[in-house]
Amino acid sequence: MTSNETSPSDVLTILSTIRDYIRWAASGFTEAGISFGHGTVTALDEAAALVLYTIHQPYNLAEPYLESVLTLKERQNIIDIIARRITERKPAAYLTHEAIFAGLSFYVDERVLIPRSPIAELIEQRFAPWVEEDQVGLILDLCTGSACIAIACAYAFPNAQVDAVDLSADALAVAEINVAKHQLFDSMELYRSDLFNELPGAHYDVIVSNPPYVSQAEWEQLPREFRAEPEMGFKGGYSGLDIVLRILADADDYLTDQGILIVEVGSSAETLQDAFPEVPFYWLNFERGGDGVFLLTADQVNQYHDLFLAALTY
């Protein structure tokens, strides 16, 4: 039974359980050609997330409770939010104003990209084996957006100070909401800065970034759901590497001797590796999926600094 075959009033009377509405919503998403990739990857996962959010239940609700019968008000609320997801083509997180990253809840709206980076897995592992947890005192998150990476780092390294940077005042307003939500005022500092420009002269044990890295050609092909997000968070210039090159060229001045640089470049990974065939980028693997994230040590960043700088000024 899809959205075209059944009217909302029929749905109210024919369907009754949580499971019914998850299945009905998933069918509607598939029929409408909805695009995913903002925390869920299938129609069924997205339907479950929206239905459970709407009835104020956890995403890991035990299986037996899926047979619970919903009230008429709950059913109508679900019908309404599923209709919005289909007609507005906004990612689900913009409808719920919530995204889960590294097991933590974050407020999100149209001022920031929706958290979904595989870097979450690295943070949960405390960047092992690349750093010693008790040796990490200062962490920098460039292009922080909602501050999800920075806040997850603050949880993973409770004795460290975390600096989070973004050029967008709108993004920093959302970041402030999340810092307050997680009560991390004492361990975090937000900076409005064009990458490193407005930072104090500090040296970081970890510099991590999920910067804009989408090429112009790729941007033009993105589905409507992605275009609901701020362009500034996506567009990395013609090749996708404009911001990445600046990070590579400047990071040498901000890393400790034993520090590491971790940057997500996503679909621009091949372009980056082809641009610097001699650089030993370590491309990280993720058990939960995702790719296009490299790691360089401070020594490597220093060793190839002139090469990065030359590419930036070319």
C-alpha atoms as a PDB file:
ATOM      1  CA  MET A   1       0.000   0.000   0.000  1.00  0.00           C
ATOM      2  CA  THR A   2       1.694   3.175  -1.158  1.00  0.00           C
ATOM      3  CA  SER A   3       0.889   6.832  -0.652  1.00  0.00           C
ATOM      4  CA  ASN A   4      -0.811   7.086  -4.064  1.00  0.00           C
ATOM      5  CA  GLU A   5      -3.048   4.073  -3.471  1.00  0.00           C
ATOM      6  CA  THR A   6      -4.434   5.122  -0.102  1.00  0.00           C
ATOM      7  CA  SER A   7      -5.786   8.438   1.118  1.00  0.00           C
ATOM      8  CA  PRO A   8      -4.641   9.847   4.483  1.00  0.00           C
ATOM      9  CA  SER A   9      -8.077   9.151   5.962  1.00  0.00           C
ATOM     10  CA  ASP A  10      -7.886   5.515   4.833  1.00  0.00           C
ATOM     11  CA  VAL A  11      -4.398   5.192   6.308  1.00  0.00           C
ATOM     12  CA  LEU A  12      -5.732   6.405   9.671  1.00  0.00           C
ATOM     13  CA  THR A  13      -8.272   3.616   9.816  1.00  0.00           C
ATOM     14  CA  ILE A  14      -6.518   0.764   8.010  1.00  0.00           C
ATOM     15  CA  LEU A  15      -3.079   1.018   9.642  1.00  0.00           C
ATOM     16  CA  SER A  16      -2.736   0.864  13.390  1.00  0.00           C
ATOM     17  CA  THR A  17       0.672  -0.279  14.685  1.00  0.00           C
ATOM     18  CA  ILE A  18       4.133   1.273  14.693  1.00  0.00           C
ATOM     19  CA  ARG A  19       5.268  -1.445  12.291  1.00  0.00           C
ATOM     20  CA  ASP A  20       2.393  -0.636   9.932  1.00  0.00           C
ATOM     21  CA  TYR A  21       3.408   3.007   9.681  1.00  0.00           C
ATOM     22  CA  ILE A  22       7.106   2.284   9.237  1.00  0.00           C
ATOM     23  CA  ARG A  23       6.297  -0.052   6.347  1.00  0.00           C
ATOM     24  CA  TRP A  24       3.790   2.388   4.835  1.00  0.00           C
ATOM     25  CA  ALA A  25       6.253   5.300   5.037  1.00  0.00           C
ATOM     26  CA  ALA A  26       9.074   3.236   3.518  1.00  0.00           C
ATOM     27  CA  SER A  27       6.821   2.317   0.583  1.00  0.00           C
ATOM     28  CA  GLY A  28       5.932   5.967   0.087  1.00  0.00           C
ATOM     29  CA  PHE A  29       9.591   7.003   0.106  1.00  0.00           C
ATOM     30  CA  THR A  30      10.503   4.359  -2.447  1.00  0.00           C
ATOM     31  CA  GLU A  31       7.615   5.301  -4.714  1.00  0.00           C
ATOM     32  CA  ALA A  32       8.510   8.991  -4.523  1.00  0.00           C
ATOM     33  CA  GLY A  33      12.194   8.382  -5.322  1.00  0.00           C
ATOM     34  CA  ILE A  34      13.451   9.950  -2.108  1.00  0.00           C
ATOM     35  CA  SER A  35      17.252  10.288  -1.773  1.00  0.00           C
ATOM     36  CA  PHE A  36      19.021   9.311   1.419  1.00  0.00           C
ATOM     37  CA  GLY A  37      22.530   9.695   2.824  1.00  0.00           C
ATOM     38  CA  HIS A  38      21.969  12.006   5.802  1.00  0.00           C
ATOM     39  CA  GLY A  39      22.273   9.424   8.541  1.00  0.00           C
ATOM     40  CA  THR A  40      20.186   6.700   6.910  1.00  0.00           C
ATOM     41  CA  VAL A  41      20.830   4.744   3.723  1.00  0.00           C
ATOM     42  CA  THR A  42      17.525   2.972   3.035  1.00  0.00           C
ATOM     43  CA  ALA A  43      13.847   3.903   2.849  1.00  0.00           C
ATOM     44  CA  LEU A  44      13.078   1.550   5.738  1.00  0.00           C
ATOM     45  CA  ASP A  45      15.722   3.086   8.009  1.00  0.00           C
ATOM     46  CA  GLU A  46      14.526   6.608   7.249  1.00  0.00           C
ATOM     47  CA  ALA A  47      10.906   5.627   7.817  1.00  0.00           C
ATOM     48  CA  ALA A  48      11.750   4.039  11.163  1.00  0.00           C
ATOM     49  CA  ALA A  49      13.720   7.101  12.257  1.00  0.00           C
ATOM     50  CA  LEU A  50      10.880   9.509  11.422  1.00  0.00           C
ATOM     51  CA  VAL A  51       8.085   7.372  12.833  1.00  0.00           C
ATOM     52  CA  LEU A  52       9.896   6.675  16.114  1.00  0.00           C
ATOM     53  CA  TYR A  53      10.901  10.313  16.500  1.00  0.00           C
ATOM     54  CA  THR A  54       7.319  11.456  15.938  1.00  0.00           C
ATOM     55  CA  ILE A  55       5.940   9.205  18.689  1.00  0.00           C
ATOM     56  CA  HIS A  56       8.798  10.097  21.060  1.00  0.00           C
ATOM     57  CA  GLN A  57      10.360   6.652  21.124  1.00  0.00           C
ATOM     58  CA  PRO A  58      14.066   5.707  20.951  1.00  0.00           C
ATOM     59  CA  TYR A  59      15.593   4.651  17.662  1.00  0.00           C
ATOM     60  CA  ASN A  60      16.507   1.270  19.195  1.00  0.00           C
ATOM     61  CA  LEU A  61      12.960   0.487  20.355  1.00  0.00           C
ATOM     62  CA  ALA A  62      12.647  -3.194  21.238  1.00  0.00           C
ATOM     63  CA  GLU A  63      11.037  -5.347  18.541  1.00  0.00           C
ATOM     64  CA  PRO A  64       7.881  -6.338  20.501  1.00  0.00           C
ATOM     65  CA  TYR A  65       6.866  -2.681  20.894  1.00  0.00           C
ATOM     66  CA  LEU A  66       6.567  -2.310  17.121  1.00  0.00           C
ATOM     67  CA  GLU A  67       3.203  -4.037  17.437  1.00  0.00           C
ATOM     68  CA  SER A  68       1.903  -1.281  19.732  1.00  0.00           C
ATOM     69  CA  VAL A  69      -1.293   0.346  18.474  1.00  0.00           C
ATOM     70  CA  LEU A  70      -0.988   4.076  17.873  1.00  0.00           C
ATOM     71  CA  THR A  71      -3.533   6.682  18.845  1.00  0.00           C
ATOM     72  CA  LEU A  72      -5.328   8.584  16.103  1.00  0.00           C
ATOM     73  CA  LYS A  73      -3.322  11.708  16.963  1.00  0.00           C
ATOM     74  CA  GLU A  74      -0.048   9.800  16.697  1.00  0.00           C
ATOM     75  CA  ARG A  75      -1.099   8.367  13.349  1.00  0.00           C
ATOM     76  CA  GLN A  76      -1.993  11.813  11.995  1.00  0.00           C
ATOM     77  CA  ASN A  77       1.324  13.284  13.182  1.00  0.00           C
ATOM     78  CA  ILE A  78       3.183  10.511  11.384  1.00  0.00           C
ATOM     79  CA  ILE A  79       1.182  11.025   8.182  1.00  0.00           C
ATOM     80  CA  ASP A  80       1.950  14.744   8.319  1.00  0.00           C
ATOM     81  CA  ILE A  81       5.728  14.398   8.755  1.00  0.00           C
ATOM     82  CA  ILE A  82       6.003  11.687   6.089  1.00  0.00           C
ATOM     83  CA  ALA A  83       4.103  13.940   3.677  1.00  0.00           C
ATOM     84  CA  ARG A  84       6.510  16.791   4.413  1.00  0.00           C
ATOM     85  CA  ARG A  85       9.528  14.541   3.805  1.00  0.00           C
ATOM     86  CA  ILE A  86       8.149  13.586   0.393  1.00  0.00           C
ATOM     87  CA  THR A  87       6.888  16.975  -0.785  1.00  0.00           C
ATOM     88  CA  GLU A  88       9.597  19.271   0.628  1.00  0.00           C
ATOM     89  CA  ARG A  89      12.527  16.920  -0.101  1.00  0.00           C
ATOM     90  CA  LYS A  90      14.276  18.091   3.049  1.00  0.00           C
ATOM     91  CA  PRO A  91      16.495  15.593   4.864  1.00  0.00           C
ATOM     92  CA  ALA A  92      14.732  14.049   7.849  1.00  0.00           C
ATOM     93  CA  ALA A  93      17.069  15.734  10.333  1.00  0.00           C
ATOM     94  CA  TYR A  94      15.794  19.154   9.240  1.00  0.00           C
ATOM     95  CA  LEU A  95      12.262  18.039  10.056  1.00  0.00           C
ATOM     96  CA  THR A  96      13.162  16.616  13.460  1.00  0.00           C
ATOM     97  CA  HIS A  97      15.980  19.085  14.252  1.00  0.00           C
ATOM     98  CA  GLU A  98      18.030  16.192  15.563  1.00  0.00           C
ATOM     99  CA  ALA A  99      20.975  14.174  14.255  1.00  0.00           C
ATOM    100  CA  ILE A 100      22.934  11.399  15.932  1.00  0.00           C
ATOM    101  CA  PHE A 101      26.713  11.455  15.613  1.00  0.00           C
ATOM    102  CA  ALA A 102      29.152   9.242  17.545  1.00  0.00           C
ATOM    103  CA  GLY A 103      26.205   8.136  19.655  1.00  0.00           C
ATOM    104  CA  LEU A 104      25.402  11.717  20.673  1.00  0.00           C
ATOM    105  CA  SER A 105      22.369  13.856  19.887  1.00  0.00           C
ATOM    106  CA  PHE A 106      22.832  17.186  18.108  1.00  0.00           C
ATOM    107  CA  TYR A 107      20.486  20.014  17.213  1.00  0.00           C
ATOM    108  CA  VAL A 108      20.567  20.789  13.491  1.00  0.00           C
ATOM    109  CA  ASP A 109      18.739  23.082  11.098  1.00  0.00           C
ATOM    110  CA  GLU A 110      19.259  24.470   7.608  1.00  0.00           C
ATOM    111  CA  ARG A 111      22.218  26.579   8.747  1.00  0.00           C
ATOM    112  CA  VAL A 112      24.526  23.548   8.953  1.00  0.00           C
ATOM    113  CA  LEU A 113      25.274  20.313   7.158  1.00  0.00           C
ATOM    114  CA  ILE A 114      23.715  17.269   8.769  1.00  0.00           C
ATOM    115  CA  PRO A 115      26.337  15.240  10.707  1.00  0.00           C
ATOM    116  CA  ARG A 116      27.214  11.981   8.944  1.00  0.00           C
ATOM    117  CA  SER A 117      31.008  11.757   8.717  1.00  0.00           C
ATOM    118  CA  PRO A 118      32.788   8.405   9.185  1.00  0.00           C
ATOM    119  CA  ILE A 119      35.218  10.370  11.379  1.00  0.00           C
ATOM    120  CA  ALA A 120      32.778   9.540  14.198  1.00  0.00           C
ATOM    121  CA  GLU A 121      34.231   6.031  14.257  1.00  0.00           C
ATOM    122  CA  LEU A 122      37.762   7.375  14.669  1.00  0.00           C
ATOM    123  CA  ILE A 123      36.706   9.592  17.551  1.00  0.00           C
ATOM    124  CA  GLU A 124      35.013   6.691  19.319  1.00  0.00           C
ATOM    125  CA  GLN A 125      38.352   4.841  19.009  1.00  0.00           C
ATOM    126  CA  ARG A 126      40.113   7.955  20.385  1.00  0.00           C
ATOM    127  CA  PHE A 127      42.216   8.084  17.207  1.00  0.00           C
ATOM    128  CA  ALA A 128      44.055   4.928  18.264  1.00  0.00           C
ATOM    129  CA  PRO A 129      46.678   3.811  17.461  1.00  0.00           C
ATOM    130  CA  TRP A 130      47.808   7.166  16.086  1.00  0.00           C
ATOM    131  CA  VAL A 131      47.902   9.048  19.386  1.00  0.00           C
ATOM    132  CA  GLU A 132      48.134   8.189  23.066  1.00  0.00           C
ATOM    133  CA  GLU A 133      44.915   9.274  24.764  1.00  0.00           C
ATOM    134  CA  ASP A 134      46.652  10.735  27.808  1.00  0.00           C
ATOM    135  CA  GLN A 135      49.022  12.725  25.575  1.00  0.00           C
ATOM    136  CA  VAL A 136      46.252  14.661  23.821  1.00  0.00           C
ATOM    137  CA  GLY A 137      45.850  18.084  25.382  1.00  0.00           C
ATOM    138  CA  LEU A 138      44.641  20.291  22.515  1.00  0.00           C
ATOM    139  CA  ILE A 139      42.375  19.403  19.570  1.00  0.00           C
ATOM    140  CA  LEU A 140      41.309  21.560  16.636  1.00  0.00           C
ATOM    141  CA  ASP A 141      38.198  20.990  14.519  1.00  0.00           C
ATOM    142  CA  LEU A 142      38.251  23.037  11.316  1.00  0.00           C
ATOM    143  CA  CYS A 143      34.976  23.761   9.485  1.00  0.00           C
ATOM    144  CA  THR A 144      33.061  22.626  12.541  1.00  0.00           C
ATOM    145  CA  GLY A 145      29.500  23.324  11.356  1.00  0.00           C
ATOM    146  CA  SER A 146      27.185  21.978  14.070  1.00  0.00           C
ATOM    147  CA  ALA A 147      30.287  21.241  16.208  1.00  0.00           C
ATOM    148  CA  CYS A 148      29.478  17.520  16.162  1.00  0.00           C
ATOM    149  CA  ILE A 149      33.105  16.468  15.603  1.00  0.00           C
ATOM    150  CA  ALA A 150      34.421  18.916  18.201  1.00  0.00           C
ATOM    151  CA  ILE A 151      31.870  17.890  20.822  1.00  0.00           C
ATOM    152  CA  ALA A 152      32.437  14.185  20.186  1.00  0.00           C
ATOM    153  CA  CYS A 153      36.164  14.843  20.663  1.00  0.00           C
ATOM    154  CA  ALA A 154      35.452  16.631  23.942  1.00  0.00           C
ATOM    155  CA  TYR A 155      33.640  13.534  25.201  1.00  0.00           C
ATOM    156  CA  ALA A 156      36.365  11.180  23.974  1.00  0.00           C
ATOM    157  CA  PHE A 157      39.159  13.298  25.498  1.00  0.00           C
ATOM    158  CA  PRO A 158      37.657  14.798  28.676  1.00  0.00           C
ATOM    159  CA  ASN A 159      41.007  16.234  29.791  1.00  0.00           C
ATOM    160  CA  ALA A 160      41.684  18.021  26.501  1.00  0.00           C
ATOM    161  CA  GLN A 161      40.751  21.491  25.289  1.00  0.00           C
ATOM    162  CA  VAL A 162      38.886  21.548  21.967  1.00  0.00           C
ATOM    163  CA  ASP A 163      38.896  24.539  19.621  1.00  0.00           C
ATOM    164  CA  ALA A 164      36.229  24.606  16.900  1.00  0.00           C
ATOM    165  CA  VAL A 165      36.401  26.896  13.869  1.00  0.00           C
ATOM    166  CA  ASP A 166      33.955  27.965  11.198  1.00  0.00           C
ATOM    167  CA  LEU A 167      33.705  30.933   8.863  1.00  0.00           C
ATOM    168  CA  SER A 168      29.898  30.910   8.906  1.00  0.00           C
ATOM    169  CA  ALA A 169      28.256  32.937  11.671  1.00  0.00           C
ATOM    170  CA  ASP A 170      25.078  30.920  11.098  1.00  0.00           C
ATOM    171  CA  ALA A 171      26.917  27.646  11.631  1.00  0.00           C
ATOM    172  CA  LEU A 172      28.543  28.948  14.798  1.00  0.00           C
ATOM    173  CA  ALA A 173      25.121  29.908  16.150  1.00  0.00           C
ATOM    174  CA  VAL A 174      24.091  26.264  15.807  1.00  0.00           C
ATOM    175  CA  ALA A 175      27.421  25.160  17.283  1.00  0.00           C
ATOM    176  CA  GLU A 176      26.722  27.335  20.330  1.00  0.00           C
ATOM    177  CA  ILE A 177      23.360  25.620  20.796  1.00  0.00           C
ATOM    178  CA  ASN A 178      25.096  22.240  20.822  1.00  0.00           C
ATOM    179  CA  VAL A 179      27.887  23.309  23.157  1.00  0.00           C
ATOM    180  CA  ALA A 180      25.196  24.495  25.580  1.00  0.00           C
ATOM    181  CA  LYS A 181      23.168  21.318  25.070  1.00  0.00           C
ATOM    182  CA  HIS A 182      26.166  19.193  26.068  1.00  0.00           C
ATOM    183  CA  GLN A 183      27.344  21.646  28.744  1.00  0.00           C
ATOM    184  CA  LEU A 184      30.891  21.837  27.414  1.00  0.00           C
ATOM    185  CA  PHE A 185      31.593  25.548  27.963  1.00  0.00           C
ATOM    186  CA  ASP A 186      34.689  24.821  30.058  1.00  0.00           C
ATOM    187  CA  SER A 187      36.414  22.497  27.584  1.00  0.00           C
ATOM    188  CA  MET A 188      35.510  24.074  24.245  1.00  0.00           C
ATOM    189  CA  GLU A 189      36.151  27.350  22.440  1.00  0.00           C
ATOM    190  CA  LEU A 190      34.392  28.459  19.263  1.00  0.00           C
ATOM    191  CA  TYR A 191      36.147  30.740  16.765  1.00  0.00           C
ATOM    192  CA  ARG A 192      34.803  32.512  13.743  1.00  0.00           C
ATOM    193  CA  SER A 193      37.754  32.217  11.422  1.00  0.00           C
ATOM    194  CA  ASP A 194      38.717  31.491   7.832  1.00  0.00           C
ATOM    195  CA  LEU A 195      40.492  28.242   8.734  1.00  0.00           C
ATOM    196  CA  PHE A 196      43.575  29.104  10.834  1.00  0.00           C
ATOM    197  CA  ASN A 197      43.516  32.869  10.273  1.00  0.00           C
ATOM    198  CA  GLU A 198      41.964  34.040  13.552  1.00  0.00           C
ATOM    199  CA  LEU A 199      43.323  31.341  15.821  1.00  0.00           C
ATOM    200  CA  PRO A 200      45.754  32.061  18.642  1.00  0.00           C
ATOM    201  CA  GLY A 201      49.267  30.746  18.159  1.00  0.00           C
ATOM    202  CA  ALA A 202      48.638  27.248  19.468  1.00  0.00           C
ATOM    203  CA  HIS A 203      49.954  23.830  18.522  1.00  0.00           C
ATOM    204  CA  TYR A 204      47.492  20.963  18.390  1.00  0.00           C
ATOM    205  CA  ASP A 205      47.924  17.265  19.061  1.00  0.00           C
ATOM    206  CA  VAL A 206      45.052  16.513  16.690  1.00  0.00           C
ATOM    207  CA  ILE A 207      43.750  18.627  13.825  1.00  0.00           C
ATOM    208  CA  VAL A 208      40.598  17.134  12.328  1.00  0.00           C
ATOM    209  CA  SER A 209      38.429  18.509   9.566  1.00  0.00           C
ATOM    210  CA  ASN A 210      35.447  17.692   7.381  1.00  0.00           C
ATOM    211  CA  PRO A 211      35.785  20.677   5.032  1.00  0.00           C
ATOM    212  CA  PRO A 212      33.922  21.515   1.814  1.00  0.00           C
ATOM    213  CA  TYR A 213      35.300  19.104  -0.808  1.00  0.00           C
ATOM    214  CA  VAL A 214      32.644  18.735  -3.514  1.00  0.00           C
ATOM    215  CA  SER A 215      33.776  19.635  -7.018  1.00  0.00           C
ATOM    216  CA  GLN A 216      31.709  21.890  -9.234  1.00  0.00           C
ATOM    217  CA  ALA A 217      30.732  18.999 -11.506  1.00  0.00           C
ATOM    218  CA  GLU A 218      29.620  16.838  -8.590  1.00  0.00           C
ATOM    219  CA  TRP A 219      27.692  19.698  -6.995  1.00  0.00           C
ATOM    220  CA  GLU A 220      25.616  20.121 -10.132  1.00  0.00           C
ATOM    221  CA  GLN A 221      24.546  16.459  -9.932  1.00  0.00           C
ATOM    222  CA  LEU A 222      23.557  16.306  -6.256  1.00  0.00           C
ATOM    223  CA  PRO A 223      19.951  15.286  -5.439  1.00  0.00           C
ATOM    224  CA  ARG A 224      17.479  17.835  -4.130  1.00  0.00           C
ATOM    225  CA  GLU A 225      17.898  16.709  -0.501  1.00  0.00           C
ATOM    226  CA  PHE A 226      21.556  17.719  -0.536  1.00  0.00           C
ATOM    227  CA  ARG A 227      20.739  21.080  -2.048  1.00  0.00           C
ATOM    228  CA  ALA A 228      18.596  21.795   1.010  1.00  0.00           C
ATOM    229  CA  GLU A 229      21.857  22.042   2.946  1.00  0.00           C
ATOM    230  CA  PRO A 230      24.080  25.160   2.869  1.00  0.00           C
ATOM    231  CA  GLU A 231      26.170  25.363  -0.306  1.00  0.00           C
ATOM    232  CA  MET A 232      29.073  26.718   1.709  1.00  0.00           C
ATOM    233  CA  GLY A 233      29.443  23.355   3.420  1.00  0.00           C
ATOM    234  CA  PHE A 234      29.832  21.506   0.126  1.00  0.00           C
ATOM    235  CA  LYS A 235      31.568  23.515  -2.555  1.00  0.00           C
ATOM    236  CA  GLY A 236      35.326  23.141  -2.662  1.00  0.00           C
ATOM    237  CA  GLY A 237      35.977  24.938  -5.919  1.00  0.00           C
ATOM    238  CA  TYR A 238      36.323  23.543  -9.412  1.00  0.00           C
ATOM    239  CA  SER A 239      38.323  20.456  -8.335  1.00  0.00           C
ATOM    240  CA  GLY A 240      36.861  20.204  -4.842  1.00  0.00           C
ATOM    241  CA  LEU A 241      40.265  20.742  -3.234  1.00  0.00           C
ATOM    242  CA  ASP A 242      40.466  24.512  -2.665  1.00  0.00           C
ATOM    243  CA  ILE A 243      39.929  24.331   1.110  1.00  0.00           C
ATOM    244  CA  VAL A 244      41.794  21.043   1.515  1.00  0.00           C
ATOM    245  CA  LEU A 245      44.928  22.498  -0.098  1.00  0.00           C
ATOM    246  CA  ARG A 246      44.860  25.455   2.282  1.00  0.00           C
ATOM    247  CA  ILE A 247      44.624  23.117   5.266  1.00  0.00           C
ATOM    248  CA  LEU A 248      47.557  21.037   3.996  1.00  0.00           C
ATOM    249  CA  ALA A 249      49.673  24.126   3.344  1.00  0.00           C
ATOM    250  CA  ASP A 250      49.074  25.729   6.754  1.00  0.00           C
ATOM    251  CA  ALA A 251      48.761  22.788   9.150  1.00  0.00           C
ATOM    252  CA  ASP A 252      52.524  22.553   9.634  1.00  0.00           C
ATOM    253  CA  ASP A 253      52.460  25.736  11.742  1.00  0.00           C
ATOM    254  CA  TYR A 254      49.755  24.384  14.075  1.00  0.00           C
ATOM    255  CA  LEU A 255      50.699  20.771  14.806  1.00  0.00           C
ATOM    256  CA  THR A 256      52.763  19.525  17.732  1.00  0.00           C
ATOM    257  CA  ASP A 257      55.770  17.370  16.870  1.00  0.00           C
ATOM    258  CA  GLN A 258      53.765  14.203  17.528  1.00  0.00           C
ATOM    259  CA  GLY A 259      50.498  15.587  16.180  1.00  0.00           C
ATOM    260  CA  ILE A 260      48.275  14.178  13.451  1.00  0.00           C
ATOM    261  CA  LEU A 261      46.136  15.710  10.708  1.00  0.00           C
ATOM    262  CA  ILE A 262      42.893  13.967   9.732  1.00  0.00           C
ATOM    263  CA  VAL A 263      40.829  15.336   6.844  1.00  0.00           C
ATOM    264  CA  GLU A 264      37.770  14.003   5.067  1.00  0.00           C
ATOM    265  CA  VAL A 265      37.841  14.595   1.319  1.00  0.00           C
ATOM    266  CA  GLY A 266      35.165  12.101   0.310  1.00  0.00           C
ATOM    267  CA  SER A 267      34.680  11.817  -3.416  1.00  0.00           C
ATOM    268  CA  SER A 268      37.726  14.035  -4.051  1.00  0.00           C
ATOM    269  CA  ALA A 269      40.115  11.419  -2.632  1.00  0.00           C
ATOM    270  CA  GLU A 270      41.281  10.199  -6.030  1.00  0.00           C
ATOM    271  CA  THR A 271      41.778  13.768  -7.241  1.00  0.00           C
ATOM    272  CA  LEU A 272      43.919  14.551  -4.186  1.00  0.00           C
ATOM    273  CA  GLN A 273      46.036  11.411  -4.475  1.00  0.00           C
ATOM    274  CA  ASP A 274      46.575  12.019  -8.192  1.00  0.00           C
ATOM    275  CA  ALA A 275      47.654  15.604  -7.448  1.00  0.00           C
ATOM    276  CA  PHE A 276      50.272  14.393  -4.958  1.00  0.00           C
ATOM    277  CA  PRO A 277      51.379  10.884  -5.997  1.00  0.00           C
ATOM    278  CA  GLU A 278      54.497  11.129  -3.855  1.00  0.00           C
ATOM    279  CA  VAL A 279      52.632  11.914  -0.615  1.00  0.00           C
ATOM    280  CA  PRO A 280      51.907   8.818   1.527  1.00  0.00           C
ATOM    281  CA  PHE A 281      48.341   9.700   2.482  1.00  0.00           C
ATOM    282  CA  TYR A 282      47.055   7.005   4.830  1.00  0.00           C
ATOM    283  CA  TRP A 283      43.491   6.311   3.718  1.00  0.00           C
ATOM    284  CA  LEU A 284      41.551   5.121   6.733  1.00  0.00           C
ATOM    285  CA  ASN A 285      39.161   2.170   6.728  1.00  0.00           C
ATOM    286  CA  PHE A 286      35.858   2.132   8.583  1.00  0.00           C
ATOM    287  CA  GLU A 287      33.936  -0.862   9.879  1.00  0.00           C
ATOM    288  CA  ARG A 288      30.627   0.975   9.587  1.00  0.00           C
ATOM    289  CA  GLY A 289      31.260   2.213   6.047  1.00  0.00           C
ATOM    290  CA  GLY A 290      32.578   5.415   4.557  1.00  0.00           C
ATOM    291  CA  ASP A 291      35.836   6.368   2.905  1.00  0.00           C
ATOM    292  CA  GLY A 292      37.834   9.320   1.638  1.00  0.00           C
ATOM    293  CA  VAL A 293      39.451  10.225   4.968  1.00  0.00           C
ATOM    294  CA  PHE A 294      43.231  10.579   5.118  1.00  0.00           C
ATOM    295  CA  LEU A 295      45.716  10.849   7.945  1.00  0.00           C
ATOM    296  CA  LEU A 296      49.152  12.450   7.898  1.00  0.00           C
ATOM    297  CA  THR A 297      51.577  12.745  10.788  1.00  0.00           C
ATOM    298  CA  ALA A 298      53.163  16.058  11.703  1.00  0.00           C
ATOM    299  CA  ASP A 299      56.443  14.814  10.224  1.00  0.00           C
ATOM    300  CA  GLN A 300      54.755  14.063   6.917  1.00  0.00           C
ATOM    301  CA  VAL A 301      52.953  17.403   6.855  1.00  0.00           C
ATOM    302  CA  ASN A 302      56.314  19.081   7.429  1.00  0.00           C
ATOM    303  CA  GLN A 303      58.150  16.927   4.897  1.00  0.00           C
ATOM    304  CA  TYR A 304      55.738  17.813   2.077  1.00  0.00           C
ATOM    305  CA  HIS A 305      54.968  21.362   3.193  1.00  0.00           C
ATOM    306  CA  ASP A 306      56.733  23.010   0.260  1.00  0.00           C
ATOM    307  CA  LEU A 307      54.854  20.772  -2.156  1.00  0.00           C
ATOM    308  CA  PHE A 308      51.496  21.691  -0.615  1.00  0.00           C
ATOM    309  CA  LEU A 309      52.416  25.356  -0.581  1.00  0.00           C
ATOM    310  CA  ALA A 310      53.454  25.284  -4.226  1.00  0.00           C
ATOM    311  CA  ALA A 311      50.176  23.652  -5.215  1.00  0.00           C
ATOM    312  CA  LEU A 312      48.256  26.315  -3.305  1.00  0.00           C
ATOM    313  CA  THR A 313      50.006  29.172  -5.063  1.00  0.00           C
ATOM    314  CA  TYR A 314      49.949  27.542  -8.507  1.00  0.00           C
END
